[in-house]
Amino acid sequence: MTPDLPFRASAVRTILSASILPVFSAILLLAVTQRTAAQQDIFVPERPGQTWGTEVVAPGTVHFEAGILMQRAAFTPESEDGSLSGGEVYRNTTWQLPAMMLRIGLAQHVEVRLATKYMRLNWRYDPNYFDGTTGAAMQEGQNSGVDVLSIGLKTTISQEKGWIPQSAFIGSLALPSFASAIYDISQPAPDLALSFSHTLAKDLYFGYCAGLSWDGYNPGPLRYASMMLSFDLDERMDLFVEYGLEAYRHSPVLHSADAGLVFTASQNLKIDAWAGFGLGDPDATSAAPRLTSIYRPDVFFGAGASLRFPSLLGE
């Protein structure tokens, strides 16, 4: 999702409401009453990477997934001949410290998801380029706060059989007023996606997904898609490579590539690390580049862990 302009807001306030607690308690109670023994041995975290998985949390089981992510973006306009006459006009470094997701198995092939993150954004921009002023000094600052709370569901659509892939639907809704002021949104923002996976060979897997995501301000959605190829190096270490793209309205399509490792520390703990970069330099020669192009991360890296609590809700 494209971030808001970092220089249009100031004060930071955290207004996470205690009304989440009754809802969360009801979800836990429902999970207890509907838990079955199926799927208990499957532990496939949603992180890392950009591609939604197809595995659903087992009934009565809880996954807690968290990690840090750094993204850096810089934009330098180019002349038609490719020269960098004007110099860099924008740079930001974004940290998610951390990004968190709680996944709870409600029933067989159905899970509920709660996600949020703490954001810290360091930015600098040239008002002469963006605002049309002359002789103004470079502006810079920092914004920190809690990002929006997202509540969603994931459900299995089909199981893998021959050429038919395993598939799942993921739907979530980001809620206004459950974030710091700088990252709050004006209206509920849905995110809808389909994910698919194939077993290509022993220890070799291919997954892909596509979806639509709204930002809470604009009526049009961001379209995104990604694909991931993963390989089991041994019983504990997995390697993956990934390609992703995003397209917003009539802006240029933004491409990225990344790769990472996932280490199985125990039956209920996985540790991951991954890194990637943006491909191409969209809109650099445009006289009026889209903000999505300006914000496109040039490089990013992350690390985190996923915990499974198979008996947290009772046997």
C-alpha atoms as a PDB file:
ATOM      1  CA  MET A   1       0.000   0.000   0.000  1.00  0.00           C
ATOM      2  CA  THR A   2       1.373   3.423  -0.924  1.00  0.00           C
ATOM      3  CA  PRO A   3       2.168   5.529   2.185  1.00  0.00           C
ATOM      4  CA  ASP A   4       0.654   8.920   2.874  1.00  0.00           C
ATOM      5  CA  LEU A   5       2.673  12.055   2.166  1.00  0.00           C
ATOM      6  CA  PRO A   6       5.081  12.301   5.113  1.00  0.00           C
ATOM      7  CA  PHE A   7       5.141  16.063   5.103  1.00  0.00           C
ATOM      8  CA  ARG A   8       1.412  16.738   5.267  1.00  0.00           C
ATOM      9  CA  ALA A   9       0.813  15.889   8.980  1.00  0.00           C
ATOM     10  CA  SER A  10       2.524  16.535  12.255  1.00  0.00           C
ATOM     11  CA  ALA A  11       1.265  15.377  15.667  1.00  0.00           C
ATOM     12  CA  VAL A  12       1.378  11.675  16.506  1.00  0.00           C
ATOM     13  CA  ARG A  13      -1.304  10.144  18.702  1.00  0.00           C
ATOM     14  CA  THR A  14      -1.966   6.507  19.486  1.00  0.00           C
ATOM     15  CA  ILE A  15      -5.687   5.843  19.874  1.00  0.00           C
ATOM     16  CA  LEU A  16      -5.987   2.068  19.853  1.00  0.00           C
ATOM     17  CA  SER A  17      -9.306   1.399  21.520  1.00  0.00           C
ATOM     18  CA  ALA A  18     -10.043  -1.075  24.313  1.00  0.00           C
ATOM     19  CA  SER A  19     -13.172  -2.127  22.405  1.00  0.00           C
ATOM     20  CA  ILE A  20     -10.983  -4.619  20.506  1.00  0.00           C
ATOM     21  CA  LEU A  21     -10.655  -6.775  23.617  1.00  0.00           C
ATOM     22  CA  PRO A  22     -14.267  -8.038  23.821  1.00  0.00           C
ATOM     23  CA  VAL A  23     -14.210  -8.870  20.115  1.00  0.00           C
ATOM     24  CA  PHE A  24     -10.899 -10.689  20.463  1.00  0.00           C
ATOM     25  CA  SER A  25     -12.196 -12.653  23.479  1.00  0.00           C
ATOM     26  CA  ALA A  26     -15.268 -13.725  21.523  1.00  0.00           C
ATOM     27  CA  ILE A  27     -13.059 -14.929  18.678  1.00  0.00           C
ATOM     28  CA  LEU A  28     -10.992 -17.027  21.070  1.00  0.00           C
ATOM     29  CA  LEU A  29     -14.130 -18.546  22.605  1.00  0.00           C
ATOM     30  CA  LEU A  30     -15.486 -19.431  19.174  1.00  0.00           C
ATOM     31  CA  ALA A  31     -12.184 -21.070  18.247  1.00  0.00           C
ATOM     32  CA  VAL A  32     -12.311 -23.254  21.351  1.00  0.00           C
ATOM     33  CA  THR A  33     -15.782 -24.523  20.570  1.00  0.00           C
ATOM     34  CA  GLN A  34     -14.991 -25.328  16.938  1.00  0.00           C
ATOM     35  CA  ARG A  35     -11.486 -26.777  17.225  1.00  0.00           C
ATOM     36  CA  THR A  36     -10.757 -30.160  15.612  1.00  0.00           C
ATOM     37  CA  ALA A  37      -7.621 -32.268  15.321  1.00  0.00           C
ATOM     38  CA  ALA A  38      -7.237 -31.656  11.586  1.00  0.00           C
ATOM     39  CA  GLN A  39      -4.345 -29.599  10.209  1.00  0.00           C
ATOM     40  CA  GLN A  40      -2.475 -29.658  13.548  1.00  0.00           C
ATOM     41  CA  ASP A  41       0.869 -30.664  12.054  1.00  0.00           C
ATOM     42  CA  ILE A  42       0.873 -27.990   9.326  1.00  0.00           C
ATOM     43  CA  PHE A  43       2.861 -24.879  10.252  1.00  0.00           C
ATOM     44  CA  VAL A  44       3.269 -22.497   7.322  1.00  0.00           C
ATOM     45  CA  PRO A  45       3.668 -18.839   8.395  1.00  0.00           C
ATOM     46  CA  GLU A  46       2.400 -15.995   6.216  1.00  0.00           C
ATOM     47  CA  ARG A  47       5.755 -14.223   6.437  1.00  0.00           C
ATOM     48  CA  PRO A  48       8.207 -13.451   4.912  1.00  0.00           C
ATOM     49  CA  GLY A  49       7.766 -12.184   1.353  1.00  0.00           C
ATOM     50  CA  GLN A  50       4.969 -10.587  -0.653  1.00  0.00           C
ATOM     51  CA  THR A  51       3.057 -13.711  -1.736  1.00  0.00           C
ATOM     52  CA  TRP A  52       0.101 -14.799   0.387  1.00  0.00           C
ATOM     53  CA  GLY A  53       0.247 -18.505   1.198  1.00  0.00           C
ATOM     54  CA  THR A  54      -2.576 -21.015   0.746  1.00  0.00           C
ATOM     55  CA  GLU A  55      -2.250 -22.847   4.080  1.00  0.00           C
ATOM     56  CA  VAL A  56      -4.835 -22.034   6.757  1.00  0.00           C
ATOM     57  CA  VAL A  57      -4.170 -22.190  10.509  1.00  0.00           C
ATOM     58  CA  ALA A  58      -5.480 -25.376  12.131  1.00  0.00           C
ATOM     59  CA  PRO A  59      -8.644 -25.054  14.231  1.00  0.00           C
ATOM     60  CA  GLY A  60      -7.862 -23.986  17.794  1.00  0.00           C
ATOM     61  CA  THR A  61      -4.274 -23.122  16.920  1.00  0.00           C
ATOM     62  CA  VAL A  62      -2.726 -19.657  17.205  1.00  0.00           C
ATOM     63  CA  HIS A  63       0.111 -18.245  15.093  1.00  0.00           C
ATOM     64  CA  PHE A  64       1.934 -15.085  16.148  1.00  0.00           C
ATOM     65  CA  GLU A  65       4.170 -13.663  13.425  1.00  0.00           C
ATOM     66  CA  ALA A  66       6.329 -10.559  13.852  1.00  0.00           C
ATOM     67  CA  GLY A  67       9.379  -8.956  12.315  1.00  0.00           C
ATOM     68  CA  ILE A  68      11.153  -5.794  11.270  1.00  0.00           C
ATOM     69  CA  LEU A  69      11.281  -4.365   7.763  1.00  0.00           C
ATOM     70  CA  MET A  70      13.367  -1.522   6.356  1.00  0.00           C
ATOM     71  CA  GLN A  71      12.485   0.149   3.047  1.00  0.00           C
ATOM     72  CA  ARG A  72      14.469   2.932   1.399  1.00  0.00           C
ATOM     73  CA  ALA A  73      13.231   5.056  -1.499  1.00  0.00           C
ATOM     74  CA  ALA A  74      14.924   7.894  -3.376  1.00  0.00           C
ATOM     75  CA  PHE A  75      13.876   9.797  -6.483  1.00  0.00           C
ATOM     76  CA  THR A  76      16.049  11.766  -8.895  1.00  0.00           C
ATOM     77  CA  PRO A  77      14.358  13.247 -11.996  1.00  0.00           C
ATOM     78  CA  GLU A  78      16.099  12.622 -15.295  1.00  0.00           C
ATOM     79  CA  SER A  79      16.291  14.780 -18.382  1.00  0.00           C
ATOM     80  CA  GLU A  80      15.107  13.303 -21.665  1.00  0.00           C
ATOM     81  CA  ASP A  81      18.713  12.467 -22.517  1.00  0.00           C
ATOM     82  CA  GLY A  82      19.055  10.503 -19.254  1.00  0.00           C
ATOM     83  CA  SER A  83      21.185  13.050 -17.388  1.00  0.00           C
ATOM     84  CA  LEU A  84      20.594  13.731 -13.673  1.00  0.00           C
ATOM     85  CA  SER A  85      20.653  17.499 -13.918  1.00  0.00           C
ATOM     86  CA  GLY A  86      18.416  18.358 -10.958  1.00  0.00           C
ATOM     87  CA  GLY A  87      19.798  16.002  -8.329  1.00  0.00           C
ATOM     88  CA  GLU A  88      17.838  13.994  -5.773  1.00  0.00           C
ATOM     89  CA  VAL A  89      14.481  15.559  -4.812  1.00  0.00           C
ATOM     90  CA  TYR A  90      13.106  12.941  -2.415  1.00  0.00           C
ATOM     91  CA  ARG A  91      14.390  10.285  -0.024  1.00  0.00           C
ATOM     92  CA  ASN A  92      12.777   8.289   2.743  1.00  0.00           C
ATOM     93  CA  THR A  93      13.702   5.416   5.023  1.00  0.00           C
ATOM     94  CA  THR A  94      10.804   3.492   6.539  1.00  0.00           C
ATOM     95  CA  TRP A  95      11.099   1.060   9.438  1.00  0.00           C
ATOM     96  CA  GLN A  96       8.394  -1.300  10.605  1.00  0.00           C
ATOM     97  CA  LEU A  97       9.327  -1.949  14.253  1.00  0.00           C
ATOM     98  CA  PRO A  98       7.693  -4.421  14.283  1.00  0.00           C
ATOM     99  CA  ALA A  99       5.019  -5.611  11.877  1.00  0.00           C
ATOM    100  CA  MET A 100       2.743  -8.113  13.635  1.00  0.00           C
ATOM    101  CA  MET A 101       0.056 -10.581  12.632  1.00  0.00           C
ATOM    102  CA  LEU A 102      -2.056 -12.814  14.864  1.00  0.00           C
ATOM    103  CA  ARG A 103      -3.736 -15.754  13.094  1.00  0.00           C
ATOM    104  CA  ILE A 104      -6.332 -17.917  14.855  1.00  0.00           C
ATOM    105  CA  GLY A 105      -7.880 -21.109  13.477  1.00  0.00           C
ATOM    106  CA  LEU A 106     -11.660 -20.764  13.827  1.00  0.00           C
ATOM    107  CA  ALA A 107     -12.773 -23.930  12.064  1.00  0.00           C
ATOM    108  CA  GLN A 108     -11.351 -26.339   9.544  1.00  0.00           C
ATOM    109  CA  HIS A 109     -10.074 -24.255   6.580  1.00  0.00           C
ATOM    110  CA  VAL A 110     -11.055 -20.914   8.170  1.00  0.00           C
ATOM    111  CA  GLU A 111      -8.845 -18.522  10.145  1.00  0.00           C
ATOM    112  CA  VAL A 112      -9.206 -14.985  11.498  1.00  0.00           C
ATOM    113  CA  ARG A 113      -6.348 -12.476  11.208  1.00  0.00           C
ATOM    114  CA  LEU A 114      -5.388  -9.327  13.123  1.00  0.00           C
ATOM    115  CA  ALA A 115      -2.469  -7.236  11.852  1.00  0.00           C
ATOM    116  CA  THR A 116      -0.796  -3.916  12.598  1.00  0.00           C
ATOM    117  CA  LYS A 117       2.674  -2.398  12.789  1.00  0.00           C
ATOM    118  CA  TYR A 118       4.640   0.402  14.376  1.00  0.00           C
ATOM    119  CA  MET A 119       6.093   2.746  11.737  1.00  0.00           C
ATOM    120  CA  ARG A 120       9.029   5.129  11.793  1.00  0.00           C
ATOM    121  CA  LEU A 121       9.605   7.232   8.685  1.00  0.00           C
ATOM    122  CA  ASN A 122      12.590   9.521   8.106  1.00  0.00           C
ATOM    123  CA  TRP A 123      12.067  11.752   5.082  1.00  0.00           C
ATOM    124  CA  ARG A 124      13.531  14.674   3.155  1.00  0.00           C
ATOM    125  CA  TYR A 125      12.191  16.434   0.056  1.00  0.00           C
ATOM    126  CA  ASP A 126      12.871  19.429  -2.158  1.00  0.00           C
ATOM    127  CA  PRO A 127       9.966  21.957  -2.026  1.00  0.00           C
ATOM    128  CA  ASN A 128      11.322  23.662  -5.129  1.00  0.00           C
ATOM    129  CA  TYR A 129      10.438  20.538  -7.098  1.00  0.00           C
ATOM    130  CA  PHE A 130       7.194  19.560  -5.394  1.00  0.00           C
ATOM    131  CA  ASP A 131       5.699  22.968  -4.546  1.00  0.00           C
ATOM    132  CA  GLY A 132       7.060  25.103  -7.376  1.00  0.00           C
ATOM    133  CA  THR A 133       8.944  27.447  -5.047  1.00  0.00           C
ATOM    134  CA  THR A 134      12.388  28.874  -5.771  1.00  0.00           C
ATOM    135  CA  GLY A 135      15.401  28.952  -3.462  1.00  0.00           C
ATOM    136  CA  ALA A 136      13.719  27.014  -0.636  1.00  0.00           C
ATOM    137  CA  ALA A 137      15.852  24.811   1.592  1.00  0.00           C
ATOM    138  CA  MET A 138      15.500  21.028   1.617  1.00  0.00           C
ATOM    139  CA  GLN A 139      12.820  19.928   4.114  1.00  0.00           C
ATOM    140  CA  GLU A 140      13.255  16.924   6.372  1.00  0.00           C
ATOM    141  CA  GLY A 141      11.670  15.271   9.378  1.00  0.00           C
ATOM    142  CA  GLN A 142      10.499  12.085  11.049  1.00  0.00           C
ATOM    143  CA  ASN A 143       7.055  10.549  11.607  1.00  0.00           C
ATOM    144  CA  SER A 144       6.432   7.685  14.031  1.00  0.00           C
ATOM    145  CA  GLY A 145       3.298   5.916  15.156  1.00  0.00           C
ATOM    146  CA  VAL A 146       1.016   2.898  15.004  1.00  0.00           C
ATOM    147  CA  ASP A 147      -0.296   1.992  11.573  1.00  0.00           C
ATOM    148  CA  VAL A 148      -3.912   0.992  10.923  1.00  0.00           C
ATOM    149  CA  LEU A 149      -5.408  -2.137  12.468  1.00  0.00           C
ATOM    150  CA  SER A 150      -6.526  -4.721   9.926  1.00  0.00           C
ATOM    151  CA  ILE A 151      -9.011  -7.511  10.664  1.00  0.00           C
ATOM    152  CA  GLY A 152      -9.560 -10.303   8.164  1.00  0.00           C
ATOM    153  CA  LEU A 153     -10.401 -13.882   7.279  1.00  0.00           C
ATOM    154  CA  LYS A 154      -8.656 -16.536   5.224  1.00  0.00           C
ATOM    155  CA  THR A 155     -10.401 -19.615   3.883  1.00  0.00           C
ATOM    156  CA  THR A 156      -9.441 -22.579   1.717  1.00  0.00           C
ATOM    157  CA  ILE A 157     -11.090 -22.732  -1.716  1.00  0.00           C
ATOM    158  CA  SER A 158      -9.581 -25.926  -3.158  1.00  0.00           C
ATOM    159  CA  GLN A 159      -7.030 -28.616  -2.311  1.00  0.00           C
ATOM    160  CA  GLU A 160      -4.223 -29.492  -4.698  1.00  0.00           C
ATOM    161  CA  LYS A 161      -5.096 -32.386  -6.991  1.00  0.00           C
ATOM    162  CA  GLY A 162      -3.130 -32.976 -10.165  1.00  0.00           C
ATOM    163  CA  TRP A 163      -3.066 -29.769 -12.197  1.00  0.00           C
ATOM    164  CA  ILE A 164      -5.618 -28.130  -9.868  1.00  0.00           C
ATOM    165  CA  PRO A 165      -3.723 -25.901  -7.390  1.00  0.00           C
ATOM    166  CA  GLN A 166      -4.385 -25.472  -3.716  1.00  0.00           C
ATOM    167  CA  SER A 167      -6.089 -22.099  -3.391  1.00  0.00           C
ATOM    168  CA  ALA A 168      -7.344 -19.706  -0.743  1.00  0.00           C
ATOM    169  CA  PHE A 169      -9.218 -16.429  -0.406  1.00  0.00           C
ATOM    170  CA  ILE A 170      -7.879 -13.694   1.896  1.00  0.00           C
ATOM    171  CA  GLY A 171     -10.037 -10.713   2.812  1.00  0.00           C
ATOM    172  CA  SER A 172      -9.266  -7.982   5.342  1.00  0.00           C
ATOM    173  CA  LEU A 173     -10.511  -4.559   6.368  1.00  0.00           C
ATOM    174  CA  ALA A 174      -8.305  -1.757   7.719  1.00  0.00           C
ATOM    175  CA  LEU A 175     -10.219   0.303  10.279  1.00  0.00           C
ATOM    176  CA  PRO A 176     -10.163   4.100  10.722  1.00  0.00           C
ATOM    177  CA  SER A 177      -9.457   5.579  14.183  1.00  0.00           C
ATOM    178  CA  PHE A 178      -7.289   2.623  15.272  1.00  0.00           C
ATOM    179  CA  ALA A 179      -3.958   4.254  14.408  1.00  0.00           C
ATOM    180  CA  SER A 180      -1.743   7.183  15.192  1.00  0.00           C
ATOM    181  CA  ALA A 181      -2.896  10.416  13.524  1.00  0.00           C
ATOM    182  CA  ILE A 182      -0.138  10.423  10.916  1.00  0.00           C
ATOM    183  CA  TYR A 183      -1.114   6.954   9.644  1.00  0.00           C
ATOM    184  CA  ASP A 184      -4.870   7.059  10.194  1.00  0.00           C
ATOM    185  CA  ILE A 185      -7.296   6.665   7.277  1.00  0.00           C
ATOM    186  CA  SER A 186     -10.583   8.416   6.513  1.00  0.00           C
ATOM    187  CA  GLN A 187     -12.662   5.348   5.630  1.00  0.00           C
ATOM    188  CA  PRO A 188     -12.497   1.537   5.945  1.00  0.00           C
ATOM    189  CA  ALA A 189      -9.995   0.077   3.487  1.00  0.00           C
ATOM    190  CA  PRO A 190     -10.547  -3.471   2.191  1.00  0.00           C
ATOM    191  CA  ASP A 191      -7.885  -5.800   0.811  1.00  0.00           C
ATOM    192  CA  LEU A 192      -9.072  -8.793  -1.254  1.00  0.00           C
ATOM    193  CA  ALA A 193      -6.789 -11.466  -2.691  1.00  0.00           C
ATOM    194  CA  LEU A 194      -6.661 -14.980  -4.135  1.00  0.00           C
ATOM    195  CA  SER A 195      -3.626 -17.207  -3.616  1.00  0.00           C
ATOM    196  CA  PHE A 196      -2.595 -20.443  -5.345  1.00  0.00           C
ATOM    197  CA  SER A 197       0.155 -23.032  -4.870  1.00  0.00           C
ATOM    198  CA  HIS A 198       1.545 -26.061  -6.713  1.00  0.00           C
ATOM    199  CA  THR A 199       3.937 -28.844  -5.702  1.00  0.00           C
ATOM    200  CA  LEU A 200       6.309 -28.977  -8.702  1.00  0.00           C
ATOM    201  CA  ALA A 201       8.588 -31.716  -7.401  1.00  0.00           C
ATOM    202  CA  LYS A 202       9.875 -33.111  -4.141  1.00  0.00           C
ATOM    203  CA  ASP A 203      10.890 -30.095  -2.011  1.00  0.00           C
ATOM    204  CA  LEU A 204      10.056 -27.629  -4.822  1.00  0.00           C
ATOM    205  CA  TYR A 205       6.953 -25.398  -4.610  1.00  0.00           C
ATOM    206  CA  PHE A 206       5.438 -22.577  -6.632  1.00  0.00           C
ATOM    207  CA  GLY A 207       2.976 -20.036  -5.254  1.00  0.00           C
ATOM    208  CA  TYR A 208       1.323 -16.938  -6.669  1.00  0.00           C
ATOM    209  CA  CYS A 209      -1.355 -14.454  -5.681  1.00  0.00           C
ATOM    210  CA  ALA A 210      -3.229 -11.411  -6.965  1.00  0.00           C
ATOM    211  CA  GLY A 211      -5.362  -8.847  -5.215  1.00  0.00           C
ATOM    212  CA  LEU A 212      -6.882  -5.402  -4.834  1.00  0.00           C
ATOM    213  CA  SER A 213      -6.060  -3.074  -1.937  1.00  0.00           C
ATOM    214  CA  TRP A 214      -7.675   0.261  -1.036  1.00  0.00           C
ATOM    215  CA  ASP A 215      -5.736   2.927   0.868  1.00  0.00           C
ATOM    216  CA  GLY A 216      -8.591   4.433   2.907  1.00  0.00           C
ATOM    217  CA  TYR A 217      -8.569   7.736   1.002  1.00  0.00           C
ATOM    218  CA  ASN A 218      -9.033   7.172  -2.725  1.00  0.00           C
ATOM    219  CA  PRO A 219     -11.870   5.274  -4.428  1.00  0.00           C
ATOM    220  CA  GLY A 220      -9.630   3.351  -6.803  1.00  0.00           C
ATOM    221  CA  PRO A 221      -7.712   0.264  -5.608  1.00  0.00           C
ATOM    222  CA  LEU A 222      -4.066  -0.652  -5.847  1.00  0.00           C
ATOM    223  CA  ARG A 223      -3.679  -3.815  -7.938  1.00  0.00           C
ATOM    224  CA  TYR A 224      -0.926  -6.191  -6.907  1.00  0.00           C
ATOM    225  CA  ALA A 225       0.404  -9.627  -7.784  1.00  0.00           C
ATOM    226  CA  SER A 226       3.414 -11.742  -6.927  1.00  0.00           C
ATOM    227  CA  MET A 227       4.893 -15.185  -7.457  1.00  0.00           C
ATOM    228  CA  MET A 228       7.264 -17.227  -5.303  1.00  0.00           C
ATOM    229  CA  LEU A 229       9.430 -20.275  -5.965  1.00  0.00           C
ATOM    230  CA  SER A 230      10.578 -22.059  -2.800  1.00  0.00           C
ATOM    231  CA  PHE A 231      12.923 -24.978  -2.252  1.00  0.00           C
ATOM    232  CA  ASP A 232      13.639 -27.088   0.845  1.00  0.00           C
ATOM    233  CA  LEU A 233      17.436 -27.047   1.165  1.00  0.00           C
ATOM    234  CA  ASP A 234      17.251 -29.592   3.988  1.00  0.00           C
ATOM    235  CA  GLU A 235      14.892 -30.577   6.779  1.00  0.00           C
ATOM    236  CA  ARG A 236      15.286 -27.193   8.490  1.00  0.00           C
ATOM    237  CA  MET A 237      16.249 -24.594   5.881  1.00  0.00           C
ATOM    238  CA  ASP A 238      14.063 -23.285   3.034  1.00  0.00           C
ATOM    239  CA  LEU A 239      15.099 -20.881   0.278  1.00  0.00           C
ATOM    240  CA  PHE A 240      12.721 -18.725  -1.767  1.00  0.00           C
ATOM    241  CA  VAL A 241      12.931 -16.241  -4.627  1.00  0.00           C
ATOM    242  CA  GLU A 242      10.088 -13.898  -5.496  1.00  0.00           C
ATOM    243  CA  TYR A 243       8.852 -11.364  -8.008  1.00  0.00           C
ATOM    244  CA  GLY A 244       6.143  -8.778  -7.308  1.00  0.00           C
ATOM    245  CA  LEU A 245       4.349  -5.941  -9.051  1.00  0.00           C
ATOM    246  CA  GLU A 246       1.970  -3.113  -8.121  1.00  0.00           C
ATOM    247  CA  ALA A 247      -0.171  -0.854 -10.290  1.00  0.00           C
ATOM    248  CA  TYR A 248      -2.241   2.120  -9.122  1.00  0.00           C
ATOM    249  CA  ARG A 249      -4.639   3.766 -11.536  1.00  0.00           C
ATOM    250  CA  HIS A 250      -2.678   5.056 -14.515  1.00  0.00           C
ATOM    251  CA  SER A 251       0.716   5.107 -12.797  1.00  0.00           C
ATOM    252  CA  PRO A 252       3.551   2.971 -14.159  1.00  0.00           C
ATOM    253  CA  VAL A 253       3.634  -0.627 -12.973  1.00  0.00           C
ATOM    254  CA  LEU A 254       6.174  -0.976 -10.134  1.00  0.00           C
ATOM    255  CA  HIS A 255       8.266  -4.149 -10.159  1.00  0.00           C
ATOM    256  CA  SER A 256      10.407  -5.731  -7.437  1.00  0.00           C
ATOM    257  CA  ALA A 257      12.395  -8.887  -6.739  1.00  0.00           C
ATOM    258  CA  ASP A 258      13.484 -10.466  -3.463  1.00  0.00           C
ATOM    259  CA  ALA A 259      14.854 -13.640  -1.919  1.00  0.00           C
ATOM    260  CA  GLY A 260      15.110 -15.069   1.575  1.00  0.00           C
ATOM    261  CA  LEU A 261      15.687 -17.963   3.942  1.00  0.00           C
ATOM    262  CA  VAL A 262      13.388 -19.584   6.500  1.00  0.00           C
ATOM    263  CA  PHE A 263      14.925 -21.667   9.306  1.00  0.00           C
ATOM    264  CA  THR A 264      12.835 -24.135  11.304  1.00  0.00           C
ATOM    265  CA  ALA A 265      14.241 -23.777  14.818  1.00  0.00           C
ATOM    266  CA  SER A 266      11.685 -26.153  16.353  1.00  0.00           C
ATOM    267  CA  GLN A 267       8.324 -27.688  15.611  1.00  0.00           C
ATOM    268  CA  ASN A 268       6.622 -24.437  16.611  1.00  0.00           C
ATOM    269  CA  LEU A 269       9.215 -21.758  15.782  1.00  0.00           C
ATOM    270  CA  LYS A 270      10.479 -20.484  12.425  1.00  0.00           C
ATOM    271  CA  ILE A 271      13.000 -17.672  11.878  1.00  0.00           C
ATOM    272  CA  ASP A 272      13.337 -15.780   8.592  1.00  0.00           C
ATOM    273  CA  ALA A 273      15.419 -13.174   6.789  1.00  0.00           C
ATOM    274  CA  TRP A 274      14.875 -11.674   3.348  1.00  0.00           C
ATOM    275  CA  ALA A 275      15.919  -8.766   1.131  1.00  0.00           C
ATOM    276  CA  GLY A 276      14.940  -7.256  -2.202  1.00  0.00           C
ATOM    277  CA  PHE A 277      15.069  -4.272  -4.525  1.00  0.00           C
ATOM    278  CA  GLY A 278      12.917  -2.312  -6.959  1.00  0.00           C
ATOM    279  CA  LEU A 279      13.305  -2.997 -10.675  1.00  0.00           C
ATOM    280  CA  GLY A 280      13.589  -0.178 -13.181  1.00  0.00           C
ATOM    281  CA  ASP A 281      13.175   3.553 -12.553  1.00  0.00           C
ATOM    282  CA  PRO A 282       9.539   4.366 -13.451  1.00  0.00           C
ATOM    283  CA  ASP A 283       8.493   7.900 -14.325  1.00  0.00           C
ATOM    284  CA  ALA A 284      12.008   9.310 -13.799  1.00  0.00           C
ATOM    285  CA  THR A 285      11.850  11.229 -17.094  1.00  0.00           C
ATOM    286  CA  SER A 286       8.300  12.511 -16.553  1.00  0.00           C
ATOM    287  CA  ALA A 287       7.711  16.210 -15.909  1.00  0.00           C
ATOM    288  CA  ALA A 288       5.025  15.233 -13.366  1.00  0.00           C
ATOM    289  CA  PRO A 289       5.819  11.797 -11.937  1.00  0.00           C
ATOM    290  CA  ARG A 290       3.191   9.945  -9.927  1.00  0.00           C
ATOM    291  CA  LEU A 291       3.776   9.749  -6.174  1.00  0.00           C
ATOM    292  CA  THR A 292       3.615   5.952  -6.396  1.00  0.00           C
ATOM    293  CA  SER A 293       6.738   6.068  -8.569  1.00  0.00           C
ATOM    294  CA  ILE A 294       8.501   8.439  -6.199  1.00  0.00           C
ATOM    295  CA  TYR A 295       7.750   6.249  -3.181  1.00  0.00           C
ATOM    296  CA  ARG A 296       8.685   2.953  -4.883  1.00  0.00           C
ATOM    297  CA  PRO A 297      11.263   1.268  -2.540  1.00  0.00           C
ATOM    298  CA  ASP A 298      14.676   0.941  -4.142  1.00  0.00           C
ATOM    299  CA  VAL A 299      15.887  -1.566  -1.551  1.00  0.00           C
ATOM    300  CA  PHE A 300      14.353  -3.377   1.410  1.00  0.00           C
ATOM    301  CA  PHE A 301      15.274  -6.058   3.915  1.00  0.00           C
ATOM    302  CA  GLY A 302      13.591  -7.735   6.845  1.00  0.00           C
ATOM    303  CA  ALA A 303      13.851 -10.425   9.500  1.00  0.00           C
ATOM    304  CA  GLY A 304      11.438 -11.975  11.929  1.00  0.00           C
ATOM    305  CA  ALA A 305      10.001 -15.030  13.608  1.00  0.00           C
ATOM    306  CA  SER A 306       6.771 -17.031  13.647  1.00  0.00           C
ATOM    307  CA  LEU A 307       5.466 -18.874  16.717  1.00  0.00           C
ATOM    308  CA  ARG A 308       2.770 -21.533  16.814  1.00  0.00           C
ATOM    309  CA  PHE A 309       0.747 -22.267  19.943  1.00  0.00           C
ATOM    310  CA  PRO A 310      -1.091 -25.499  19.096  1.00  0.00           C
ATOM    311  CA  SER A 311      -2.514 -26.058  22.586  1.00  0.00           C
ATOM    312  CA  LEU A 312      -2.994 -22.452  23.731  1.00  0.00           C
ATOM    313  CA  LEU A 313      -6.752 -22.880  23.508  1.00  0.00           C
ATOM    314  CA  GLY A 314      -6.797 -26.260  25.237  1.00  0.00           C
ATOM    315  CA  GLU A 315      -6.631 -29.853  24.070  1.00  0.00           C
END
